[in-house]
Amino acid sequence: MDMAAITGINLQTSRLLLREINPNDILNIHTLYSNPETSKYEDWEPYTEENSLWQTQQALEEQTQTDRKMIRLIVELKDGQFVGCVGVEISRTGTAAKVFYAIIPEMQ
């Protein structure tokens, strides 16, 4: 799958909005990924503020790449309340994909 042409993602359901990350999402990303419950079964530690900033910057940079291999989206309720993040990452060979998600514990 070629994701190079996929930009400006904005998916809506009757309850949710899935949209690409923007610079204003840093606090929500940090709230989600700094929570020990989020990383409980992962191979990474809870994020520091620096980790959250770097991840946000990476997501913004990925949105501009012509050979895009990853899409990360913010999940919000229709009223704008932050729920979490979802995404897909395509392998370098293009033969496999990994889907990932993280939901803030209060919304589970």
C-alpha atoms as a PDB file:
ATOM      1  CA  MET A   1       0.000   0.000   0.000  1.00  0.00           C
ATOM      2  CA  ASP A   2       1.340   3.404  -0.966  1.00  0.00           C
ATOM      3  CA  MET A   3       0.467   5.918   1.742  1.00  0.00           C
ATOM      4  CA  ALA A   4       2.433   8.750   0.162  1.00  0.00           C
ATOM      5  CA  ALA A   5      -0.698  10.442  -1.176  1.00  0.00           C
ATOM      6  CA  ILE A   6      -2.660  10.121   2.071  1.00  0.00           C
ATOM      7  CA  THR A   7      -2.773  13.523   3.763  1.00  0.00           C
ATOM      8  CA  GLY A   8      -5.204  15.571   5.792  1.00  0.00           C
ATOM      9  CA  ILE A   9      -7.031  12.601   7.267  1.00  0.00           C
ATOM     10  CA  ASN A  10     -10.258  13.527   9.009  1.00  0.00           C
ATOM     11  CA  LEU A  11     -12.608  10.597   9.635  1.00  0.00           C
ATOM     12  CA  GLN A  12     -15.913  11.043  11.438  1.00  0.00           C
ATOM     13  CA  THR A  13     -18.453   8.664  12.881  1.00  0.00           C
ATOM     14  CA  SER A  14     -21.601   9.505  14.783  1.00  0.00           C
ATOM     15  CA  ARG A  15     -19.551   9.620  18.032  1.00  0.00           C
ATOM     16  CA  LEU A  16     -15.877  10.041  17.122  1.00  0.00           C
ATOM     17  CA  LEU A  17     -13.433  12.111  15.110  1.00  0.00           C
ATOM     18  CA  LEU A  18     -10.118  10.640  13.956  1.00  0.00           C
ATOM     19  CA  ARG A  19      -7.761  13.302  12.685  1.00  0.00           C
ATOM     20  CA  GLU A  20      -4.106  13.877  12.058  1.00  0.00           C
ATOM     21  CA  ILE A  21      -1.964  15.209  14.876  1.00  0.00           C
ATOM     22  CA  ASN A  22      -1.357  18.943  15.053  1.00  0.00           C
ATOM     23  CA  PRO A  23       1.062  20.977  17.234  1.00  0.00           C
ATOM     24  CA  ASN A  24      -1.710  21.700  19.769  1.00  0.00           C
ATOM     25  CA  ASP A  25      -1.915  17.993  20.650  1.00  0.00           C
ATOM     26  CA  ILE A  26       1.315  17.870  22.673  1.00  0.00           C
ATOM     27  CA  LEU A  27      -0.429  18.059  26.063  1.00  0.00           C
ATOM     28  CA  ASN A  28      -2.899  15.283  25.203  1.00  0.00           C
ATOM     29  CA  ILE A  29      -0.122  13.099  23.801  1.00  0.00           C
ATOM     30  CA  HIS A  30       1.887  13.630  26.966  1.00  0.00           C
ATOM     31  CA  THR A  31      -1.110  12.924  29.205  1.00  0.00           C
ATOM     32  CA  LEU A  32      -1.726   9.651  27.368  1.00  0.00           C
ATOM     33  CA  TYR A  33       1.800   8.330  26.998  1.00  0.00           C
ATOM     34  CA  SER A  34       3.189   9.491  30.350  1.00  0.00           C
ATOM     35  CA  ASN A  35       0.532   7.428  32.132  1.00  0.00           C
ATOM     36  CA  PRO A  36       2.083   4.165  33.443  1.00  0.00           C
ATOM     37  CA  GLU A  37      -1.130   2.295  32.578  1.00  0.00           C
ATOM     38  CA  THR A  38      -0.626   3.131  28.892  1.00  0.00           C
ATOM     39  CA  SER A  39       2.811   1.499  28.758  1.00  0.00           C
ATOM     40  CA  LYS A  40       2.061  -1.321  31.194  1.00  0.00           C
ATOM     41  CA  TYR A  41       2.294  -4.068  28.537  1.00  0.00           C
ATOM     42  CA  GLU A  42       4.623  -2.268  26.140  1.00  0.00           C
ATOM     43  CA  ASP A  43       8.388  -2.430  25.719  1.00  0.00           C
ATOM     44  CA  TRP A  44       8.782   1.305  26.454  1.00  0.00           C
ATOM     45  CA  GLU A  45       8.600   3.385  29.604  1.00  0.00           C
ATOM     46  CA  PRO A  46       6.108   6.202  30.241  1.00  0.00           C
ATOM     47  CA  TYR A  47       7.028   9.283  28.227  1.00  0.00           C
ATOM     48  CA  THR A  48       8.858  12.251  29.619  1.00  0.00           C
ATOM     49  CA  GLU A  49       7.922  15.710  28.349  1.00  0.00           C
ATOM     50  CA  GLU A  50      10.863  15.438  25.935  1.00  0.00           C
ATOM     51  CA  ASN A  51       9.588  12.091  24.598  1.00  0.00           C
ATOM     52  CA  SER A  52       6.135  13.573  24.046  1.00  0.00           C
ATOM     53  CA  LEU A  53       7.540  16.579  22.206  1.00  0.00           C
ATOM     54  CA  TRP A  54       9.742  14.380  20.020  1.00  0.00           C
ATOM     55  CA  GLN A  55       6.865  12.010  19.181  1.00  0.00           C
ATOM     56  CA  THR A  56       4.623  14.928  18.264  1.00  0.00           C
ATOM     57  CA  GLN A  57       7.334  16.417  16.058  1.00  0.00           C
ATOM     58  CA  GLN A  58       7.873  13.019  14.406  1.00  0.00           C
ATOM     59  CA  ALA A  59       4.170  12.683  13.651  1.00  0.00           C
ATOM     60  CA  LEU A  60       4.070  16.169  12.122  1.00  0.00           C
ATOM     61  CA  GLU A  61       7.135  15.407  10.004  1.00  0.00           C
ATOM     62  CA  GLU A  62       5.666  12.083   8.833  1.00  0.00           C
ATOM     63  CA  GLN A  63       2.621  13.929   7.511  1.00  0.00           C
ATOM     64  CA  THR A  64       4.837  15.734   4.987  1.00  0.00           C
ATOM     65  CA  GLN A  65       6.879  12.761   3.768  1.00  0.00           C
ATOM     66  CA  THR A  66       6.433  11.558   0.201  1.00  0.00           C
ATOM     67  CA  ASP A  67       7.316   7.979   1.189  1.00  0.00           C
ATOM     68  CA  ARG A  68       5.038   7.898   4.200  1.00  0.00           C
ATOM     69  CA  LYS A  69       5.171   4.645   6.175  1.00  0.00           C
ATOM     70  CA  MET A  70       3.189   5.667   9.252  1.00  0.00           C
ATOM     71  CA  ILE A  71      -0.106   7.365   9.962  1.00  0.00           C
ATOM     72  CA  ARG A  72      -0.901   8.457  13.526  1.00  0.00           C
ATOM     73  CA  LEU A  73      -4.306   9.893  14.365  1.00  0.00           C
ATOM     74  CA  ILE A  74      -5.863  11.585  17.362  1.00  0.00           C
ATOM     75  CA  VAL A  75      -9.169  10.125  18.530  1.00  0.00           C
ATOM     76  CA  GLU A  76     -11.683  12.587  19.983  1.00  0.00           C
ATOM     77  CA  LEU A  77     -15.331  12.524  20.916  1.00  0.00           C
ATOM     78  CA  LYS A  78     -17.508  14.766  18.760  1.00  0.00           C
ATOM     79  CA  ASP A  79     -17.359  17.407  21.504  1.00  0.00           C
ATOM     80  CA  GLY A  80     -13.550  17.541  21.207  1.00  0.00           C
ATOM     81  CA  GLN A  81     -12.767  15.483  24.317  1.00  0.00           C
ATOM     82  CA  PHE A  82      -9.501  13.596  23.837  1.00  0.00           C
ATOM     83  CA  VAL A  83      -9.797   9.791  23.822  1.00  0.00           C
ATOM     84  CA  GLY A  84      -6.439   8.544  22.545  1.00  0.00           C
ATOM     85  CA  CYS A  85      -4.384   7.749  19.468  1.00  0.00           C
ATOM     86  CA  VAL A  86      -4.547   5.153  16.690  1.00  0.00           C
ATOM     87  CA  GLY A  87      -2.313   4.449  13.774  1.00  0.00           C
ATOM     88  CA  VAL A  88      -0.876   2.132  11.175  1.00  0.00           C
ATOM     89  CA  GLU A  89       2.738   1.516  10.224  1.00  0.00           C
ATOM     90  CA  ILE A  90       3.717  -0.139   6.946  1.00  0.00           C
ATOM     91  CA  SER A  91       6.903  -2.210   6.898  1.00  0.00           C
ATOM     92  CA  ARG A  92       9.840  -0.994   4.813  1.00  0.00           C
ATOM     93  CA  THR A  93       9.160  -3.757   2.293  1.00  0.00           C
ATOM     94  CA  GLY A  94       5.472  -2.860   2.109  1.00  0.00           C
ATOM     95  CA  THR A  95       4.483  -6.463   2.810  1.00  0.00           C
ATOM     96  CA  ALA A  96       3.218  -6.056   6.378  1.00  0.00           C
ATOM     97  CA  ALA A  97       1.379  -3.529   8.494  1.00  0.00           C
ATOM     98  CA  LYS A  98       1.087  -2.921  12.205  1.00  0.00           C
ATOM     99  CA  VAL A  99      -2.024  -1.298  13.673  1.00  0.00           C
ATOM    100  CA  PHE A 100      -1.650   0.346  17.066  1.00  0.00           C
ATOM    101  CA  TYR A 101      -3.800   2.265  19.510  1.00  0.00           C
ATOM    102  CA  ALA A 102      -3.726   3.772  22.991  1.00  0.00           C
ATOM    103  CA  ILE A 103      -6.754   4.994  24.900  1.00  0.00           C
ATOM    104  CA  ILE A 104      -6.590   7.077  28.059  1.00  0.00           C
ATOM    105  CA  PRO A 105      -7.614   4.854  30.988  1.00  0.00           C
ATOM    106  CA  GLU A 106     -10.499   7.152  31.967  1.00  0.00           C
ATOM    107  CA  MET A 107     -12.130   6.546  28.568  1.00  0.00           C
ATOM    108  CA  GLN A 108     -11.833   2.765  28.519  1.00  0.00           C
END
